[in-house]
Structure formats: C-alpha cells, structure tokens
Amino acid sequence: MTQTTAIPPVQHVHDHVAVARDVVKAYGTGDSAVSALRGVSAAFARGRFTAIMGPSGSGKSTFLHCMAGLDGVSSGSVLIGGVEITKLSRTRLTKLRRDRLGFVFQSFNLLPMLTAEENIRLTGRLGNRPADRQWFDTIVGALGLRERLAHRPSELSGGQQQRVAVARALLTRPEVLFADEPTGNLDSKSGAEVLGFLRSAVDAYHQTVIMVTHDPAAAAHADRVLFLADGMIVDDLEAPSIDRVHAAMRRLEAE
C-alpha cells in the first residue's frame, strides 16, 4: 500500500474554535424520555486533535453529532467559530456545515459512480467553490492518492477509500474536521495510515480534529482525550498514551 508523506510542523496559536455549553440531549418525552447528554460543557482549541471516548451508550457519538450540527440539542448551546449553531435555521446550518466543517465517518460515504478525484472535489462543487489546485495536489500527494484519482470506489481498498474521504473533508479547509470512528472499518495498517495523516494535518496545517473512537491506539494519536459516561464528561486526559487511555477506560468500566 502506498505510504503517506510526512508533513513538517508549523507553529500553533491555540484558541477555541468549537464550544459546547451545558448541552442536553434527550430522546422522547415524559417518563419515557432517555437522556443521552446531561449538561455537557467542553471547549476545543483550534489546531488540536481531540479524541472522545467512553463505554457503549456513554453519549460520545451523540455529543459529536450535536457539536457538528448533525443532530439538534434539547437545551444548551454549541458554537463553531463564534457562531451559535443551535440558533441557526436549517438552511443556514446546512450552509455552515458545507462551507466550514469537514466530516469523516466509519462508512466512507463515497458515490460509487464517481472517480476518486470527483468524490474529493464533490463538496466544493456543491458549494460552488472550486478548490485551489496547489492545495488539492498537496493533500492528494500527502495521502498517497495521486495514482488512484481515476479509480472508482469499487476499485479501491478500504484504506484508500477512507483516504479519499479524508481528502474530501480537508479540501475545503474546514474550521473543524469531525471524525466518527474513522478507522472502524479498516485493518490495523490502513487505520494507522489514516490516523497518521490526521495527526500530520493538525501539526502541519493547524487543522482542528474532533474524533470519536473506541480504540485506545487511535486515541493515542490525539493531543487530548475526553471521556464520557452516562452522558457526562468524567475525565479529561492531556498528552495521552495507549497505556494511559487503557487505564482510564478500565476505571470507567469498573464503576
């Protein structure tokens, strides 16, 4: 498999690009209501890689979806780049997601009739924003996709498809890239390549990444790990290692 290209780091200036304030998310009403998030507050610094972990049912994917504007909140607020997205109309929220956010999911969400290049360029074309050719060449080269641009998804491996999805997410230079279990459908080598590029994108391009994962090895690529349990943040780990993430998860599962 083609190896990704190392990218030199640049200096960071941290400020908060995404903020959650007392976010509550409940499904149903009355006695049958189920609380997925119970007053979650968190701030995410620009140019940092944050992983979100927790036991099954902890609310980690719900939290990511609320932060990304993919799901509404029951109360509280979410701000992206100073804009309170929880107060936007559906039309304005859709435009903000398209123009200012990037998304990578466990399922690659590529259109099967389009080539890799057409899939990468799709979001920009939908927003009538042609990509800068130099930036396109940079991310395609860094992700090892240059020889695969004319291939359709069925002609690509799982790792290559996910790298196409990452390239598509980065092409518009999003303020935040949200990733929900991005290595969940990949073998360990392909997963490590995708995580390595996300890490490089943070270090080199000052990209902000917020990623949900169940894998301590994936979380160890991040600068910080937030741990959720029962819809609340219960731990916040800086400079994570695999061993420290494992230990934190063991504590949660023992409680």
Protein backbone atom coordinates (compact mmCIF):
# COMPACT_ATOMS: atom_id res chain seq x y z
CA MET A 1 0.00 0.00 0.00
CA THR A 2 1.22 3.50 -0.77
CA GLN A 3 2.69 5.23 2.26
CA THR A 4 1.52 8.68 3.27
CA THR A 5 4.00 11.55 3.12
CA ALA A 6 5.36 13.13 6.30
CA ILE A 7 4.50 16.82 6.59
CA PRO A 8 6.67 19.32 8.51
CA PRO A 9 5.07 21.03 11.51
CA VAL A 10 4.21 24.70 11.85
CA GLN A 11 3.79 26.82 14.95
CA HIS A 12 0.33 26.80 16.55
CA VAL A 13 -1.71 29.58 18.10
CA HIS A 14 -4.49 27.98 20.16
CA ASP A 15 -7.94 29.46 20.66
CA HIS A 16 -11.31 27.83 21.00
CA VAL A 17 -12.96 27.08 17.66
CA ALA A 18 -15.73 24.82 19.00
CA VAL A 19 -17.56 25.20 22.31
CA ALA A 20 -20.37 23.25 23.98
CA ARG A 21 -22.24 24.90 26.85
CA ASP A 22 -24.49 22.80 29.09
CA VAL A 23 -25.61 20.60 26.20
CA VAL A 24 -28.54 18.34 26.99
CA LYS A 25 -29.89 15.82 24.50
CA ALA A 26 -32.97 13.78 25.36
CA TYR A 27 -34.99 11.40 23.24
CA GLY A 28 -38.69 11.02 23.93
CA THR A 29 -40.78 12.90 26.48
CA GLY A 30 -42.14 12.47 29.96
CA ASP A 31 -41.49 9.22 31.80
CA SER A 32 -40.22 7.58 28.62
CA ALA A 33 -37.53 10.23 27.97
CA VAL A 34 -33.96 8.97 27.67
CA SER A 35 -31.12 11.41 28.35
CA ALA A 36 -28.15 10.88 26.04
CA LEU A 37 -26.29 14.02 27.17
CA ARG A 38 -26.66 15.58 30.62
CA GLY A 39 -25.33 19.14 30.59
CA VAL A 40 -22.04 18.62 28.73
CA SER A 41 -19.68 21.59 28.51
CA ALA A 42 -16.35 21.50 26.65
CA ALA A 43 -14.12 23.79 24.62
CA PHE A 44 -11.93 22.64 21.73
CA ALA A 45 -8.79 24.56 20.86
CA ARG A 46 -8.01 25.48 17.28
CA GLY A 47 -5.25 23.41 15.75
CA ARG A 48 -5.54 20.49 18.17
CA PHE A 49 -6.59 16.86 17.86
CA THR A 50 -9.17 15.76 20.44
CA ALA A 51 -10.45 12.20 20.82
CA ILE A 52 -13.75 11.38 22.53
CA MET A 53 -14.09 8.00 24.22
CA GLY A 54 -16.43 6.19 26.56
CA PRO A 55 -18.24 2.90 27.11
CA SER A 56 -21.02 1.87 24.75
CA GLY A 57 -24.04 4.10 25.34
CA SER A 58 -21.99 6.84 27.00
CA GLY A 59 -23.19 9.51 24.54
CA LYS A 60 -19.91 10.05 22.71
CA SER A 61 -21.32 9.82 19.16
CA THR A 62 -24.37 11.86 20.16
CA PHE A 63 -22.06 14.55 21.51
CA LEU A 64 -20.04 14.64 18.29
CA HIS A 65 -23.21 14.83 16.18
CA CYS A 66 -24.54 17.72 18.28
CA MET A 67 -21.20 19.55 18.04
CA ALA A 68 -21.22 19.09 14.26
CA GLY A 69 -24.80 20.26 13.81
CA LEU A 70 -25.89 16.84 12.57
CA ASP A 71 -28.32 16.50 15.46
CA GLY A 72 -30.17 19.14 17.45
CA VAL A 73 -29.85 19.71 21.20
CA SER A 74 -32.67 19.68 23.75
CA SER A 75 -31.07 22.60 25.60
CA GLY A 76 -27.74 24.34 25.85
CA SER A 77 -25.69 25.77 23.01
CA VAL A 78 -22.95 24.86 20.53
CA LEU A 79 -20.67 27.45 18.94
CA ILE A 80 -18.46 26.93 15.89
CA GLY A 81 -16.08 29.77 15.13
CA GLY A 82 -18.14 32.04 17.38
CA VAL A 83 -21.43 31.20 15.61
CA GLU A 84 -24.11 29.66 17.82
CA ILE A 85 -25.22 26.90 15.51
CA THR A 86 -28.04 25.81 17.81
CA LYS A 87 -29.89 29.02 16.85
CA LEU A 88 -29.43 28.76 13.09
CA SER A 89 -32.23 27.97 10.66
CA ARG A 90 -32.00 24.65 8.85
CA THR A 91 -30.87 26.41 5.67
CA ARG A 92 -28.12 28.40 7.38
CA LEU A 93 -26.97 25.36 9.36
CA THR A 94 -26.72 23.28 6.18
CA LYS A 95 -24.63 26.02 4.57
CA LEU A 96 -22.35 26.28 7.61
CA ARG A 97 -21.78 22.52 7.65
CA ARG A 98 -20.99 22.54 3.92
CA ASP A 99 -18.71 25.58 3.97
CA ARG A 100 -16.97 25.42 7.35
CA LEU A 101 -16.94 21.81 8.56
CA GLY A 102 -15.48 18.53 7.34
CA PHE A 103 -16.76 15.04 8.05
CA VAL A 104 -15.24 11.56 8.02
CA PHE A 105 -17.34 8.58 9.08
CA GLN A 106 -16.83 4.86 9.63
CA SER A 107 -18.65 4.23 6.37
CA PHE A 108 -16.75 6.01 3.63
CA ASN A 109 -19.83 7.66 2.06
CA LEU A 110 -18.31 7.85 -1.42
CA LEU A 111 -20.53 8.00 -4.50
CA PRO A 112 -19.88 4.78 -6.43
CA MET A 113 -20.36 6.30 -9.89
CA LEU A 114 -17.72 9.00 -9.34
CA THR A 115 -13.95 8.65 -9.52
CA ALA A 116 -11.75 9.31 -6.51
CA GLU A 117 -10.97 12.81 -7.80
CA GLU A 118 -14.64 13.58 -8.41
CA ASN A 119 -15.52 12.37 -4.91
CA ILE A 120 -12.78 14.54 -3.40
CA ARG A 121 -13.99 17.63 -5.25
CA LEU A 122 -17.69 16.98 -4.65
CA THR A 123 -18.29 19.15 -1.57
CA GLY A 124 -16.52 22.14 -3.10
CA ARG A 125 -18.52 21.83 -6.28
CA LEU A 126 -21.80 21.60 -4.38
CA GLY A 127 -20.86 24.85 -2.69
CA ASN A 128 -19.69 26.38 -5.98
CA ARG A 129 -16.19 26.78 -4.53
CA PRO A 130 -13.50 25.43 -6.86
CA ALA A 131 -10.55 24.06 -4.93
CA ASP A 132 -7.14 25.64 -5.11
CA ARG A 133 -5.08 23.35 -7.37
CA GLN A 134 -1.99 23.58 -5.20
CA TRP A 135 -3.94 22.60 -2.07
CA PHE A 136 -5.60 19.73 -3.94
CA ASP A 137 -2.19 18.47 -5.08
CA THR A 138 -0.80 18.81 -1.55
CA ILE A 139 -3.41 16.69 0.18
CA VAL A 140 -3.63 14.13 -2.65
CA GLY A 141 0.14 13.69 -2.52
CA ALA A 142 0.28 13.51 1.27
CA LEU A 143 -2.44 10.85 1.29
CA GLY A 144 -0.77 8.75 -1.40
CA LEU A 145 -3.73 9.05 -3.80
CA ARG A 146 -2.09 10.52 -6.88
CA GLU A 147 -2.14 7.22 -8.80
CA ARG A 148 -5.73 6.46 -7.74
CA LEU A 149 -7.58 9.59 -8.81
CA ALA A 150 -9.19 7.97 -11.88
CA HIS A 151 -10.38 4.91 -9.93
CA ARG A 152 -13.93 4.44 -8.70
CA PRO A 153 -14.56 3.34 -5.08
CA SER A 154 -15.10 -0.31 -6.09
CA GLU A 155 -11.54 -0.29 -7.45
CA LEU A 156 -10.02 0.98 -4.18
CA SER A 157 -9.15 -0.78 -0.94
CA GLY A 158 -10.93 0.22 2.26
CA GLY A 159 -7.93 2.25 3.38
CA GLN A 160 -7.76 4.06 0.04
CA GLN A 161 -11.48 4.84 0.19
CA GLN A 162 -11.14 6.33 3.64
CA ARG A 163 -8.17 8.42 2.50
CA VAL A 164 -10.37 9.74 -0.33
CA ALA A 165 -12.98 10.63 2.31
CA VAL A 166 -10.32 12.44 4.38
CA ALA A 167 -9.11 14.33 1.31
CA ARG A 168 -12.70 15.36 0.52
CA ALA A 169 -13.17 16.59 4.09
CA LEU A 170 -9.96 18.64 4.03
CA LEU A 171 -10.27 20.11 0.54
CA THR A 172 -12.49 22.98 1.71
CA ARG A 173 -10.06 23.81 4.57
CA PRO A 174 -12.71 23.31 7.28
CA GLU A 175 -12.59 25.05 10.62
CA VAL A 176 -13.21 21.68 12.26
CA LEU A 177 -12.94 18.15 10.91
CA PHE A 178 -15.30 15.78 12.73
CA ALA A 179 -14.45 12.08 12.53
CA ASP A 180 -16.76 9.35 13.86
CA GLU A 181 -14.91 6.03 14.22
CA PRO A 182 -12.86 6.74 11.06
CA THR A 183 -10.81 3.55 11.40
CA GLY A 184 -13.70 1.28 12.40
CA ASN A 185 -13.89 -0.47 9.00
CA LEU A 186 -10.14 -0.62 8.37
CA ASP A 187 -7.38 -3.12 9.09
CA SER A 188 -4.71 -2.00 11.54
CA LYS A 189 -2.22 -0.86 8.89
CA SER A 190 -4.74 1.16 6.90
CA GLY A 191 -6.14 2.63 10.11
CA ALA A 192 -2.68 3.70 11.25
CA GLU A 193 -2.10 5.44 7.91
CA VAL A 194 -5.35 7.42 8.17
CA LEU A 195 -4.64 8.39 11.79
CA GLY A 196 -1.10 9.37 10.87
CA PHE A 197 -2.39 11.75 8.25
CA LEU A 198 -4.96 13.29 10.61
CA ARG A 199 -2.10 13.85 13.05
CA SER A 200 0.02 15.42 10.31
CA ALA A 201 -2.88 17.65 9.21
CA VAL A 202 -3.07 19.05 12.75
CA ASP A 203 0.70 19.55 13.03
CA ALA A 204 1.28 20.95 9.55
CA TYR A 205 -1.91 22.77 8.61
CA HIS A 206 -3.23 23.81 12.02
CA GLN A 207 -6.30 21.66 11.33
CA THR A 208 -8.72 21.06 14.21
CA VAL A 209 -9.85 17.42 14.53
CA ILE A 210 -12.51 16.06 16.88
CA MET A 211 -12.75 12.27 16.68
CA VAL A 212 -14.92 9.65 18.35
CA THR A 213 -13.17 6.31 18.76
CA HIS A 214 -13.37 3.17 20.87
CA ASP A 215 -9.72 2.29 20.16
CA PRO A 216 -7.05 3.40 22.68
CA ALA A 217 -4.37 3.17 19.96
CA ALA A 218 -6.35 5.62 17.82
CA ALA A 219 -6.93 7.94 20.77
CA ALA A 220 -3.20 7.99 21.48
CA HIS A 221 -2.70 9.97 18.24
CA ALA A 222 -4.63 12.85 19.80
CA ASP A 223 -3.43 15.75 21.94
CA ARG A 224 -6.28 15.25 24.38
CA VAL A 225 -8.93 12.66 25.20
CA LEU A 226 -12.34 13.44 26.69
CA PHE A 227 -14.09 10.52 28.40
CA LEU A 228 -17.88 10.34 28.61
CA ALA A 229 -20.00 8.09 30.80
CA ASP A 230 -23.77 8.25 31.23
CA GLY A 231 -23.95 11.39 29.10
CA MET A 232 -21.42 13.39 31.11
CA ILE A 233 -17.71 14.19 30.78
CA VAL A 234 -15.96 12.30 33.55
CA ASP A 235 -12.29 12.64 32.62
CA ASP A 236 -10.04 14.87 30.50
CA LEU A 237 -6.63 13.47 29.60
CA GLU A 238 -3.84 15.55 28.07
CA ALA A 239 -0.90 14.01 26.16
CA PRO A 240 -2.47 10.54 26.05
CA SER A 241 -0.55 7.32 25.61
CA ILE A 242 -2.08 3.93 24.86
CA ASP A 243 -1.39 2.79 28.43
CA ARG A 244 -2.96 5.92 29.99
CA VAL A 245 -6.05 5.62 27.78
CA HIS A 246 -6.40 1.92 28.62
CA ALA A 247 -6.15 2.73 32.33
CA ALA A 248 -8.79 5.47 32.07
CA MET A 249 -11.17 3.15 30.22
CA ARG A 250 -10.65 0.40 32.78
CA ARG A 251 -11.58 2.82 35.55
CA LEU A 252 -14.76 3.81 33.75
CA GLU A 253 -15.79 0.24 33.04
CA ALA A 254 -15.18 -0.72 36.70
CA GLU A 255 -17.50 2.00 38.03
